[in-house]
N, C-alpha and C. Protein backbone atom coordinates (compact mmCIF):
# COMPACT_ATOMS: atom_id res chain seq x y z
N MET A 1 -12.46 -12.15 34.72
CA MET A 1 -12.78 -11.52 33.74
C MET A 1 -13.31 -12.13 32.58
N HIS A 2 -14.41 -11.78 32.09
CA HIS A 2 -15.25 -12.37 30.89
C HIS A 2 -14.46 -12.19 29.94
N HIS A 3 -14.70 -12.66 28.96
CA HIS A 3 -14.33 -12.44 27.71
C HIS A 3 -15.44 -13.06 26.36
N PRO A 4 -15.50 -12.24 25.32
CA PRO A 4 -16.49 -13.26 24.16
C PRO A 4 -16.06 -14.67 24.03
N PRO A 5 -16.59 -15.22 24.13
CA PRO A 5 -16.32 -16.81 22.81
C PRO A 5 -15.67 -16.48 21.85
N ARG A 6 -14.55 -17.04 21.70
CA ARG A 6 -13.42 -17.69 21.12
C ARG A 6 -13.87 -17.31 20.18
N HIS A 7 -14.46 -18.37 19.25
CA HIS A 7 -14.97 -18.10 17.78
C HIS A 7 -15.54 -16.50 17.57
N GLY A 8 -16.11 -15.63 18.52
CA GLY A 8 -16.53 -14.61 18.40
C GLY A 8 -15.30 -13.55 17.75
N LEU A 9 -14.54 -13.67 19.08
CA LEU A 9 -13.80 -12.93 19.09
C LEU A 9 -12.41 -12.98 17.87
N GLU A 10 -12.05 -14.76 17.62
CA GLU A 10 -11.20 -14.55 16.13
C GLU A 10 -12.25 -14.10 14.92
N ALA A 11 -13.32 -14.09 14.75
CA ALA A 11 -14.48 -13.94 13.79
C ALA A 11 -13.60 -12.53 13.89
N ARG A 12 -13.80 -11.63 15.18
CA ARG A 12 -13.79 -9.71 14.72
C ARG A 12 -12.61 -9.78 14.22
N GLN A 13 -11.39 -10.63 15.15
CA GLN A 13 -9.44 -10.33 14.35
C GLN A 13 -9.45 -10.81 13.04
N VAL A 14 -10.08 -11.55 12.59
CA VAL A 14 -9.86 -11.60 11.41
C VAL A 14 -10.47 -10.68 10.29
N ARG A 15 -11.75 -10.00 10.69
CA ARG A 15 -12.54 -8.98 9.97
C ARG A 15 -11.31 -7.57 10.09
N GLY A 16 -11.02 -7.62 11.12
CA GLY A 16 -10.16 -6.58 10.93
C GLY A 16 -8.69 -6.57 10.97
N ASP A 17 -8.01 -7.82 10.56
CA ASP A 17 -6.91 -8.02 9.33
C ASP A 17 -6.75 -8.14 8.47
N PHE A 18 -8.53 -8.26 8.01
CA PHE A 18 -8.91 -8.10 6.82
C PHE A 18 -8.92 -7.24 6.11
N LEU A 19 -9.83 -5.75 6.72
CA LEU A 19 -9.52 -4.61 6.38
C LEU A 19 -8.34 -3.96 6.65
N ARG A 20 -7.64 -4.06 7.84
CA ARG A 20 -6.22 -3.44 7.47
C ARG A 20 -6.07 -3.72 6.69
N SER A 21 -5.35 -4.57 6.05
CA SER A 21 -4.21 -5.36 4.96
C SER A 21 -5.14 -5.02 3.80
N ALA A 22 -6.35 -4.79 3.44
CA ALA A 22 -6.85 -4.70 2.11
C ALA A 22 -6.89 -2.84 2.02
N LEU A 23 -6.73 -2.11 3.62
CA LEU A 23 -6.14 -0.28 3.20
C LEU A 23 -4.79 -0.33 2.62
N ALA A 24 -4.24 -1.46 3.78
CA ALA A 24 -2.39 -0.87 3.76
C ALA A 24 -2.30 -1.26 2.06
N ALA A 25 -2.73 -2.45 1.56
CA ALA A 25 -2.58 -3.19 0.06
C ALA A 25 -3.10 -1.40 -0.90
N GLY A 26 -4.75 -1.63 -0.69
CA GLY A 26 -4.95 -0.43 -1.39
C GLY A 26 -4.08 0.89 -1.50
N ALA A 27 -3.99 0.99 -0.27
CA ALA A 27 -2.59 2.51 -0.77
C ALA A 27 -1.66 2.47 -1.51
N GLY A 28 -0.81 1.06 -1.13
CA GLY A 28 -0.30 1.27 -1.83
C GLY A 28 -0.68 0.70 -3.29
N PHE A 29 -1.12 -0.16 -3.82
CA PHE A 29 -2.25 0.32 -5.38
C PHE A 29 -2.30 1.47 -5.73
N ALA A 30 -2.96 2.30 -5.13
CA ALA A 30 -2.97 3.85 -5.37
C ALA A 30 -1.71 4.24 -5.73
N VAL A 31 -0.31 4.11 -4.65
CA VAL A 31 0.72 4.92 -5.20
C VAL A 31 1.10 4.53 -7.06
N LEU A 32 1.23 2.98 -6.70
CA LEU A 32 1.22 2.31 -8.17
C LEU A 32 0.52 2.95 -9.31
N GLY A 33 -1.06 2.93 -9.00
CA GLY A 33 -1.67 3.52 -10.03
C GLY A 33 -0.75 5.59 -10.44
N VAL A 34 -0.21 5.87 -9.11
CA VAL A 34 -0.32 7.12 -9.70
C VAL A 34 1.04 7.54 -10.85
N LEU A 35 2.42 6.62 -9.82
CA LEU A 35 3.22 6.38 -10.55
C LEU A 35 3.21 5.95 -11.83
N THR A 36 2.19 4.88 -12.54
CA THR A 36 2.07 4.37 -13.66
C THR A 36 1.50 5.39 -14.47
N ALA A 37 0.72 6.78 -13.79
CA ALA A 37 -0.03 7.52 -14.69
C ALA A 37 0.77 9.09 -15.03
N VAL A 38 1.88 9.19 -14.06
CA VAL A 38 2.54 9.98 -13.78
C VAL A 38 4.04 10.56 -13.89
N THR A 39 4.27 9.32 -13.77
CA THR A 39 5.85 9.25 -13.79
C THR A 39 6.36 9.67 -15.02
N GLY A 40 6.00 9.55 -16.31
CA GLY A 40 6.39 10.23 -17.53
C GLY A 40 6.18 11.87 -17.61
N LEU A 41 5.15 12.13 -16.57
CA LEU A 41 4.75 13.55 -16.67
C LEU A 41 6.35 14.56 -15.78
N PHE A 42 6.60 13.47 -14.66
CA PHE A 42 7.03 13.98 -13.92
C PHE A 42 8.72 14.09 -14.48
N LEU A 43 9.19 12.86 -14.97
CA LEU A 43 10.84 12.82 -16.14
C LEU A 43 10.91 13.65 -16.51
N SER A 44 9.86 13.77 -17.78
CA SER A 44 9.81 15.24 -19.04
C SER A 44 9.60 16.32 -18.17
N GLY A 45 8.43 16.46 -17.17
CA GLY A 45 8.53 17.70 -17.48
C GLY A 45 9.27 18.80 -15.81
N VAL A 46 9.89 17.52 -15.33
CA VAL A 46 10.59 18.02 -13.89
C VAL A 46 11.93 17.92 -14.60
N LEU A 47 12.19 16.43 -14.30
CA LEU A 47 13.71 16.17 -14.33
C LEU A 47 14.30 16.41 -16.06
N ARG A 48 13.38 16.61 -17.16
CA ARG A 48 14.11 16.96 -18.35
C ARG A 48 14.53 15.91 -19.20
N LEU A 49 14.11 14.42 -19.03
CA LEU A 49 14.59 13.44 -19.42
C LEU A 49 13.61 13.15 -19.99
N PRO A 50 13.08 13.36 -20.88
CA PRO A 50 11.72 12.39 -22.05
C PRO A 50 11.93 11.13 -22.22
N SER A 51 12.22 9.74 -21.51
CA SER A 51 12.67 8.81 -21.62
C SER A 51 11.40 8.05 -22.00
N HIS A 52 11.50 6.96 -22.92
CA HIS A 52 9.71 6.31 -22.36
C HIS A 52 10.39 5.09 -21.61
N THR A 53 12.27 5.04 -21.89
CA THR A 53 12.52 3.58 -21.26
C THR A 53 12.54 3.24 -20.04
N LEU A 54 13.22 5.12 -19.55
CA LEU A 54 12.86 5.31 -17.93
C LEU A 54 12.17 5.65 -17.04
N THR A 55 10.83 5.80 -17.72
CA THR A 55 9.58 5.64 -17.55
C THR A 55 9.25 4.33 -16.75
N GLY A 56 9.84 3.32 -17.98
CA GLY A 56 9.12 2.20 -17.97
C GLY A 56 10.07 1.49 -16.71
N VAL A 57 11.30 1.79 -16.48
CA VAL A 57 12.11 1.32 -15.62
C VAL A 57 11.87 1.89 -14.54
N VAL A 58 10.67 2.68 -14.58
CA VAL A 58 10.54 3.26 -12.48
C VAL A 58 9.57 2.37 -12.36
N VAL A 59 7.92 2.13 -13.82
CA VAL A 59 7.14 1.13 -12.91
C VAL A 59 7.45 0.01 -13.28
N PHE A 60 7.95 -0.11 -13.72
CA PHE A 60 8.68 -2.30 -13.96
C PHE A 60 9.46 -2.47 -12.45
N THR A 61 10.26 -1.07 -11.85
CA THR A 61 10.47 -1.93 -10.19
C THR A 61 9.76 -1.53 -9.58
N ALA A 62 8.45 -0.42 -9.69
CA ALA A 62 7.59 -1.05 -8.27
C ALA A 62 7.19 -1.85 -8.65
N PHE A 63 6.54 -2.65 -9.96
CA PHE A 63 5.64 -4.34 -10.08
C PHE A 63 6.39 -5.05 -9.92
N LEU A 64 7.60 -5.36 -10.10
CA LEU A 64 8.20 -6.17 -9.71
C LEU A 64 8.75 -6.61 -8.33
N CYS A 65 8.91 -5.14 -7.74
CA CYS A 65 8.69 -5.17 -5.87
C CYS A 65 8.11 -5.89 -5.39
N THR A 66 7.03 -5.71 -6.24
CA THR A 66 5.43 -5.94 -5.50
C THR A 66 5.07 -7.42 -5.48
N ALA A 67 5.44 -7.74 -6.60
CA ALA A 67 5.78 -9.66 -6.27
C ALA A 67 6.90 -9.59 -5.95
N VAL A 68 8.24 -9.16 -5.89
CA VAL A 68 8.97 -10.02 -4.20
C VAL A 68 8.73 -9.68 -3.46
N GLY A 69 7.63 -8.86 -2.40
CA GLY A 69 7.29 -8.68 -1.42
C GLY A 69 6.15 -9.48 -1.13
N GLN A 70 5.59 -10.06 -2.09
CA GLN A 70 5.10 -11.47 -2.16
C GLN A 70 5.62 -12.23 -1.43
N LEU A 71 6.40 -12.49 -2.19
CA LEU A 71 7.62 -13.76 -1.40
C LEU A 71 8.33 -13.42 0.12
N LEU A 72 8.17 -12.14 0.14
CA LEU A 72 8.98 -11.89 1.29
C LEU A 72 7.90 -11.85 2.95
N ASN A 73 6.89 -11.85 1.96
CA ASN A 73 5.73 -12.01 2.85
C ASN A 73 6.03 -13.17 3.91
N ARG A 74 6.22 -14.43 3.08
CA ARG A 74 6.44 -15.29 3.86
C ARG A 74 8.01 -16.00 4.54
N ALA A 75 8.61 -15.29 4.42
CA ALA A 75 9.56 -15.03 5.09
C ALA A 75 9.68 -14.38 6.31
N VAL A 76 8.68 -13.88 6.58
CA VAL A 76 8.34 -13.12 7.90
C VAL A 76 7.54 -13.60 8.70
N ARG A 77 7.28 -13.43 10.55
CA ARG A 77 6.73 -14.17 10.65
C ARG A 77 5.15 -13.22 10.84
N ALA A 78 4.01 -13.74 10.79
CA ALA A 78 3.27 -13.57 10.00
C ALA A 78 2.32 -12.53 11.17
N GLY A 79 2.72 -12.39 12.73
CA GLY A 79 2.12 -11.03 13.06
C GLY A 79 3.52 -9.87 12.86
N GLY A 80 4.71 -10.31 12.16
CA GLY A 80 4.94 -8.34 11.56
C GLY A 80 5.09 -8.47 10.03
N ALA A 81 4.24 -8.93 9.71
CA ALA A 81 4.19 -9.00 8.10
C ALA A 81 3.42 -7.00 7.72
N LEU A 82 2.43 -7.64 8.60
CA LEU A 82 1.32 -5.85 7.98
C LEU A 82 2.83 -4.63 8.75
N VAL A 83 2.47 -5.10 10.06
CA VAL A 83 3.33 -3.99 10.46
C VAL A 83 4.89 -3.45 9.58
N LEU A 84 5.55 -4.64 9.00
CA LEU A 84 6.71 -3.68 8.25
C LEU A 84 5.85 -3.56 6.73
N ALA A 85 4.76 -3.91 6.30
CA ALA A 85 4.20 -3.74 5.24
C ALA A 85 3.63 -1.53 5.32
N CYS A 86 3.55 -1.85 6.90
CA CYS A 86 2.64 -0.50 6.61
C CYS A 86 4.04 0.81 6.93
N ALA A 87 4.76 0.29 7.58
CA ALA A 87 5.78 0.82 7.75
C ALA A 87 6.79 1.63 6.31
N GLY A 88 6.80 0.26 5.42
CA GLY A 88 7.06 0.32 4.39
C GLY A 88 6.70 1.39 3.31
N LEU A 89 5.37 1.37 3.51
CA LEU A 89 4.67 2.71 2.66
C LEU A 89 4.54 3.66 3.36
N VAL A 90 5.07 3.90 4.93
CA VAL A 90 5.70 5.64 5.17
C VAL A 90 6.37 5.90 4.67
N ALA A 91 7.64 5.00 4.66
CA ALA A 91 8.73 5.22 4.12
C ALA A 91 8.86 5.52 2.12
N GLY A 92 8.10 4.90 1.95
CA GLY A 92 8.40 4.75 0.27
C GLY A 92 7.33 5.86 0.08
N ALA A 93 5.94 6.48 0.81
CA ALA A 93 5.63 7.77 0.21
C ALA A 93 6.92 8.65 0.79
N GLY A 94 7.23 8.83 1.58
CA GLY A 94 8.28 10.03 1.92
C GLY A 94 9.74 10.21 0.97
N LEU A 95 9.64 9.18 0.19
CA LEU A 95 10.93 8.60 -0.79
C LEU A 95 9.99 9.89 -1.81
N VAL A 96 8.97 9.36 -2.11
CA VAL A 96 7.88 10.14 -3.03
C VAL A 96 7.99 11.31 -2.92
N ALA A 97 7.59 11.67 -1.88
CA ALA A 97 7.53 13.16 -1.95
C ALA A 97 8.74 13.84 -1.78
N LEU A 98 10.17 13.35 -1.51
CA LEU A 98 10.96 13.95 -1.34
C LEU A 98 11.65 13.83 -3.12
N ALA A 99 11.06 12.81 -4.17
CA ALA A 99 11.33 12.99 -5.34
C ALA A 99 10.59 14.23 -5.72
N MET A 100 9.27 14.49 -5.52
CA MET A 100 8.86 15.90 -5.87
C MET A 100 9.40 16.70 -5.32
N ALA A 101 9.84 17.13 -4.06
CA ALA A 101 10.22 18.32 -3.56
C ALA A 101 11.80 18.23 -4.11
N ALA A 102 12.69 17.63 -4.48
CA ALA A 102 14.28 17.69 -4.38
C ALA A 102 14.06 16.95 -6.12
N ALA A 103 13.55 17.14 -6.98
CA ALA A 103 13.36 17.09 -8.29
C ALA A 103 14.34 15.51 -7.98
N SER A 104 14.36 14.63 -7.71
CA SER A 104 15.79 13.41 -7.49
C SER A 104 14.67 12.48 -8.05
N LEU A 105 15.73 11.50 -9.45
CA LEU A 105 15.29 10.70 -9.88
C LEU A 105 15.73 9.23 -8.95
N ALA A 106 16.97 9.54 -8.21
CA ALA A 106 17.51 8.20 -7.63
C ALA A 106 16.67 8.12 -6.48
N ALA A 107 15.58 9.07 -5.85
CA ALA A 107 14.58 9.11 -4.38
C ALA A 107 12.91 8.59 -5.19
N LEU A 108 13.00 8.74 -6.46
CA LEU A 108 11.40 8.15 -7.36
C LEU A 108 12.28 6.78 -7.08
N LEU A 109 13.11 6.19 -7.32
CA LEU A 109 13.43 4.78 -7.78
C LEU A 109 13.41 3.88 -6.89
N ALA A 110 13.90 4.98 -5.79
CA ALA A 110 14.02 3.93 -4.19
C ALA A 110 12.39 4.11 -3.80
N GLY A 111 11.53 4.67 -4.19
CA GLY A 111 10.41 5.00 -3.45
C GLY A 111 9.51 4.37 -4.00
N ALA A 112 9.68 4.25 -5.51
CA ALA A 112 8.98 2.71 -6.32
C ALA A 112 9.28 1.22 -5.57
N ALA A 113 10.41 1.80 -5.67
CA ALA A 113 11.03 0.16 -5.09
C ALA A 113 10.49 -0.21 -3.52
N VAL A 114 10.73 0.86 -2.62
CA VAL A 114 10.26 0.65 -1.20
C VAL A 114 8.64 0.17 -1.22
N ASN A 115 7.95 1.34 -2.09
CA ASN A 115 6.46 1.31 -2.44
C ASN A 115 6.26 -0.20 -2.30
N GLY A 116 6.56 -1.08 -3.87
CA GLY A 116 6.45 -2.01 -3.92
C GLY A 116 6.53 -3.05 -3.37
N LEU A 117 7.47 -3.07 -2.51
CA LEU A 117 8.07 -4.31 -1.76
C LEU A 117 6.69 -4.51 -0.62
N ALA A 118 6.30 -3.26 0.06
CA ALA A 118 5.89 -2.60 1.44
C ALA A 118 4.28 -3.51 0.70
N THR A 119 3.67 -2.76 -0.71
CA THR A 119 2.55 -3.26 -1.33
C THR A 119 2.16 -4.88 -1.45
N GLY A 120 3.00 -5.54 -1.95
CA GLY A 120 3.59 -7.06 -2.16
C GLY A 120 3.23 -7.72 -0.40
N MET A 121 3.91 -7.74 0.78
CA MET A 121 4.01 -7.43 1.71
C MET A 121 2.35 -7.82 2.37
N ALA A 122 2.16 -5.88 2.17
CA ALA A 122 0.42 -6.15 2.59
C ALA A 122 -0.56 -6.52 2.14
N LEU A 123 -0.52 -6.89 0.17
CA LEU A 123 -1.18 -8.24 -0.49
C LEU A 123 -0.81 -9.31 -0.11
N GLY A 124 -0.14 -10.21 -0.04
CA GLY A 124 0.34 -11.62 0.47
C GLY A 124 0.13 -11.70 1.89
N TYR A 125 -0.06 -10.34 2.85
CA TYR A 125 -1.02 -11.06 4.30
C TYR A 125 -2.42 -10.59 4.13
N GLY A 126 -3.11 -10.13 3.25
CA GLY A 126 -4.73 -10.30 3.32
C GLY A 126 -4.66 -11.41 2.80
N VAL A 127 -4.14 -12.24 1.47
CA VAL A 127 -4.54 -13.03 0.62
C VAL A 127 -4.21 -14.45 1.96
N THR A 128 -3.67 -14.28 2.62
CA THR A 128 -3.07 -15.78 3.93
C THR A 128 -4.26 -15.54 4.90
N VAL A 129 -4.60 -14.20 5.20
CA VAL A 129 -5.51 -14.27 6.13
C VAL A 129 -6.92 -15.36 5.80
N ILE A 130 -7.19 -13.95 4.16
CA ILE A 130 -8.67 -14.75 3.84
C ILE A 130 -8.11 -16.16 3.86
N THR A 131 -7.20 -16.91 3.02
CA THR A 131 -7.64 -18.50 2.68
C THR A 131 -7.56 -19.29 4.18
N THR A 132 -6.66 -18.74 5.23
CA THR A 132 -6.37 -19.61 6.34
C THR A 132 -7.35 -19.52 7.38
N ARG A 133 -7.79 -18.56 7.71
CA ARG A 133 -8.33 -18.07 8.47
C ARG A 133 -9.98 -17.63 8.52
N ALA A 134 -10.75 -17.68 7.16
CA ALA A 134 -11.58 -16.94 6.86
C ALA A 134 -12.46 -18.54 6.99
N ALA A 135 -14.10 -18.09 7.58
CA ALA A 135 -14.66 -19.37 7.78
C ALA A 135 -14.75 -19.33 5.90
N PRO A 136 -14.74 -21.32 5.58
CA PRO A 136 -14.95 -21.75 4.48
C PRO A 136 -15.57 -21.55 3.44
N ASP A 137 -17.03 -20.84 3.70
CA ASP A 137 -18.13 -20.88 2.99
C ASP A 137 -18.56 -19.22 2.84
N HIS A 138 -17.27 -17.96 3.46
CA HIS A 138 -17.25 -16.80 3.17
C HIS A 138 -16.16 -16.52 2.49
N ARG A 139 -15.22 -17.39 2.42
CA ARG A 139 -13.83 -17.07 1.44
C ARG A 139 -13.91 -17.00 0.02
N GLY A 140 -14.45 -17.40 -0.57
CA GLY A 140 -15.06 -17.15 -2.14
C GLY A 140 -15.26 -14.98 -1.95
N ALA A 141 -15.95 -15.23 -1.68
CA ALA A 141 -16.98 -14.04 -1.01
C ALA A 141 -15.88 -12.37 -0.86
N SER A 142 -14.93 -12.85 0.40
CA SER A 142 -14.07 -12.38 1.18
C SER A 142 -12.86 -12.23 0.33
N VAL A 143 -12.34 -13.06 -0.86
CA VAL A 143 -11.22 -13.39 -2.00
C VAL A 143 -11.96 -11.60 -2.98
N SER A 144 -13.51 -12.22 -3.53
CA SER A 144 -13.82 -11.30 -3.84
C SER A 144 -14.13 -9.64 -3.52
N THR A 145 -14.39 -9.22 -2.54
CA THR A 145 -14.05 -8.30 -1.57
C THR A 145 -12.65 -7.24 -1.88
N PHE A 146 -12.16 -7.98 -0.91
CA PHE A 146 -10.47 -7.66 -0.92
C PHE A 146 -9.74 -7.13 -2.56
N PHE A 147 -10.20 -7.78 -3.47
CA PHE A 147 -9.60 -7.46 -4.30
C PHE A 147 -10.44 -6.27 -5.24
N VAL A 148 -11.45 -6.61 -5.20
CA VAL A 148 -12.55 -4.96 -5.59
C VAL A 148 -11.88 -3.49 -4.81
N ILE A 149 -11.87 -3.75 -3.46
CA ILE A 149 -11.22 -2.65 -2.91
C ILE A 149 -9.65 -2.27 -3.64
N LEU A 150 -8.95 -3.34 -3.57
CA LEU A 150 -6.99 -2.76 -4.04
C LEU A 150 -7.71 -2.21 -5.70
N TYR A 151 -8.77 -2.81 -6.53
CA TYR A 151 -8.87 -2.08 -8.11
C TYR A 151 -9.46 -1.14 -7.87
N PHE A 152 -10.48 -1.00 -6.80
CA PHE A 152 -10.93 0.66 -6.72
C PHE A 152 -9.93 1.70 -6.00
N MET A 153 -8.51 0.91 -5.43
CA MET A 153 -7.70 2.57 -5.02
C MET A 153 -7.40 3.23 -5.72
N PRO A 154 -6.40 2.56 -7.15
CA PRO A 154 -5.89 3.51 -7.77
C PRO A 154 -6.27 4.24 -8.60
N ALA A 155 -7.97 3.88 -8.73
CA ALA A 155 -8.95 4.71 -9.59
C ALA A 155 -8.91 6.18 -9.20
N VAL A 156 -9.02 6.07 -8.14
CA VAL A 156 -9.88 7.59 -7.48
C VAL A 156 -8.47 8.77 -7.25
N PRO A 157 -7.46 8.23 -6.80
CA PRO A 157 -6.04 9.21 -6.84
C PRO A 157 -5.61 9.44 -7.84
N ALA A 158 -5.76 8.42 -8.77
CA ALA A 158 -4.80 8.82 -10.32
C ALA A 158 -5.48 10.35 -10.89
N VAL A 159 -7.40 9.96 -10.86
CA VAL A 159 -8.52 11.19 -11.74
C VAL A 159 -7.76 12.58 -10.34
N GLY A 160 -7.95 12.11 -9.27
CA GLY A 160 -7.53 13.32 -8.24
C GLY A 160 -6.21 13.97 -8.68
N VAL A 161 -5.46 13.06 -8.67
CA VAL A 161 -3.83 13.51 -9.11
C VAL A 161 -4.24 14.34 -10.21
N GLY A 162 -4.77 14.19 -11.53
CA GLY A 162 -4.99 14.79 -12.23
C GLY A 162 -5.26 15.89 -12.14
N VAL A 163 -6.59 16.15 -11.65
CA VAL A 163 -7.63 17.38 -11.85
C VAL A 163 -6.88 17.89 -10.55
N MET A 164 -5.51 17.91 -9.55
CA MET A 164 -4.70 18.99 -9.04
C MET A 164 -3.87 19.16 -9.96
N ILE A 165 -3.33 18.46 -10.47
CA ILE A 165 -2.21 19.04 -11.29
C ILE A 165 -2.70 20.10 -12.20
N ARG A 166 -3.93 20.01 -12.77
CA ARG A 166 -4.37 21.04 -13.25
C ARG A 166 -4.56 22.58 -12.85
N SER A 167 -4.91 22.74 -11.36
CA SER A 167 -5.14 23.58 -10.63
C SER A 167 -3.77 23.99 -10.32
N THR A 168 -3.11 23.02 -9.38
CA THR A 168 -1.84 23.44 -8.72
C THR A 168 -0.78 23.11 -9.80
N SER A 169 0.71 22.28 -9.58
CA SER A 169 1.51 21.49 -10.46
C SER A 169 1.64 20.14 -10.06
N LEU A 170 2.57 19.99 -10.78
CA LEU A 170 2.80 18.05 -10.20
C LEU A 170 3.55 17.98 -9.23
N ARG A 171 4.61 19.14 -8.61
CA ARG A 171 5.33 19.04 -7.76
C ARG A 171 4.55 18.52 -6.23
N PRO A 172 3.48 19.91 -6.39
CA PRO A 172 3.52 20.01 -4.69
C PRO A 172 1.88 18.52 -4.52
N THR A 173 1.85 18.27 -5.85
CA THR A 173 0.18 17.31 -6.20
C THR A 173 0.85 16.18 -5.26
N GLY A 174 2.10 15.63 -5.92
CA GLY A 174 2.80 14.49 -5.42
C GLY A 174 3.07 14.46 -4.03
N GLU A 175 3.64 15.73 -3.42
CA GLU A 175 3.51 15.65 -2.28
C GLU A 175 2.61 15.53 -1.26
N ILE A 176 1.22 16.13 -1.46
CA ILE A 176 0.10 16.01 -1.00
C ILE A 176 -0.09 14.71 -0.93
N PHE A 177 -0.25 14.07 -2.36
CA PHE A 177 -0.75 12.78 -2.02
C PHE A 177 0.07 11.81 -1.29
N SER A 178 1.61 11.90 -1.84
CA SER A 178 2.28 11.08 -0.30
C SER A 178 1.62 11.54 1.03
N ALA A 179 1.51 12.48 1.49
CA ALA A 179 1.16 12.67 2.79
C ALA A 179 -0.48 12.02 3.07
N ALA A 180 -0.91 11.84 2.23
CA ALA A 180 -2.36 11.23 2.08
C ALA A 180 -1.98 9.77 2.68
N VAL A 181 -1.06 8.99 1.81
CA VAL A 181 -1.03 7.84 1.72
C VAL A 181 0.09 7.66 2.99
N ALA A 182 0.45 7.99 3.11
CA ALA A 182 1.41 7.62 4.73
C ALA A 182 0.73 8.09 5.65
N ALA A 183 -0.43 8.89 5.89
CA ALA A 183 -1.42 8.74 6.70
C ALA A 183 -2.16 7.93 6.87
N LEU A 184 -2.64 7.18 5.73
CA LEU A 184 -3.68 6.05 5.70
C LEU A 184 -2.35 4.78 6.35
N ALA A 185 -1.19 5.08 5.53
CA ALA A 185 -0.92 3.58 6.22
C ALA A 185 -0.57 3.79 7.77
N LEU A 186 -0.03 4.75 8.55
CA LEU A 186 -0.07 5.08 9.64
C LEU A 186 -0.82 4.66 10.61
N ALA A 187 -2.22 5.58 10.39
CA ALA A 187 -3.33 4.88 10.67
C ALA A 187 -3.49 3.65 10.93
N VAL A 188 -3.40 2.82 9.47
CA VAL A 188 -3.30 0.96 9.93
C VAL A 188 -2.72 0.80 10.88
N LEU A 189 -1.12 1.63 10.69
CA LEU A 189 -0.33 0.39 11.63
C LEU A 189 -0.40 0.61 12.81
N LEU A 190 -1.04 2.38 13.83
CA LEU A 190 -1.81 2.61 14.82
C LEU A 190 -2.65 1.62 14.96
N SER A 191 -3.95 1.47 13.85
CA SER A 191 -5.12 0.52 14.52
C SER A 191 -4.85 -1.07 14.55
N LEU A 192 -3.71 -1.55 13.92
CA LEU A 192 -2.29 -2.84 14.02
C LEU A 192 -2.25 -3.07 15.42
N LEU A 193 -1.52 -2.04 16.23
CA LEU A 193 -0.96 -1.71 17.22
C LEU A 193 -1.73 -1.52 18.35
N GLY A 194 -2.76 -1.17 18.28
CA GLY A 194 -4.06 -1.37 19.51
C GLY A 194 -4.49 -2.06 19.58
N ALA A 195 -4.73 -2.65 18.68
CA ALA A 195 -5.78 -3.72 18.09
C ALA A 195 -4.70 -4.97 19.01
N ARG A 196 -3.83 -5.06 18.98
CA ARG A 196 -2.56 -6.31 19.43
C ARG A 196 -2.50 -5.88 21.28
N ALA A 197 -2.58 -4.43 21.33
CA ALA A 197 -2.76 -4.38 22.55
C ALA A 197 -3.53 -4.77 23.36
N THR A 198 -4.99 -4.58 23.13
CA THR A 198 -6.15 -4.90 23.79
C THR A 198 -7.16 -6.38 23.70
N THR A 199 -6.11 -6.95 22.82
CA THR A 199 -6.13 -8.89 22.21
C THR A 199 -6.45 -9.58 23.87
N PRO A 200 -7.12 -10.17 24.01
CA PRO A 200 -6.53 -10.76 25.61
C PRO A 200 -6.41 -12.07 25.14
N ARG A 201 -4.77 -12.15 26.38
CA ARG A 201 -4.50 -13.11 26.17
C ARG A 201 -4.72 -14.59 26.19
N ALA A 202 -4.57 -16.08 25.79
CA ALA A 202 -5.25 -16.95 25.91
C ALA A 202 -4.87 -17.61 27.54
């Protein structure tokens, strides 16, 4: 069987891994952005807990776990890091949706933590792909593009969630947003598994 030249195959694999990790980390960043924007509203309007301290705890948990996730990425076999990240994003989105549906602070905290860990792993995986596998002359542009995607992803969902809240309310909006994040993470996971299944063995 004829296979494409190895360097061409590797370049396509790097581009695929770059895009998948950017989308996964971007989905996680979108959740972080929305959590930052609406946690205070959820706590005061739904849970009747108008506490700035508690709002800070939820947001801090999400960002702390994002940092921890980047460290955990080093302890996971490279091939499994993005799989775990996507699975974590699906689980985190489910927990956030549960928090909205059941008005649960515990589920919100758990969702923030799980999403943060998954986001950190996807972020760490993407940076590793760029710094170790991208062509040296394209590395700077690749890093810039990667972070542009990450910084763009929180902005649009946060604005969209704000618009939806005006026309419906926070809880159904949060559930719809969580479903969208889970669908994106699941699509990335299926793409990753499909790419592995079709990659020819050396």
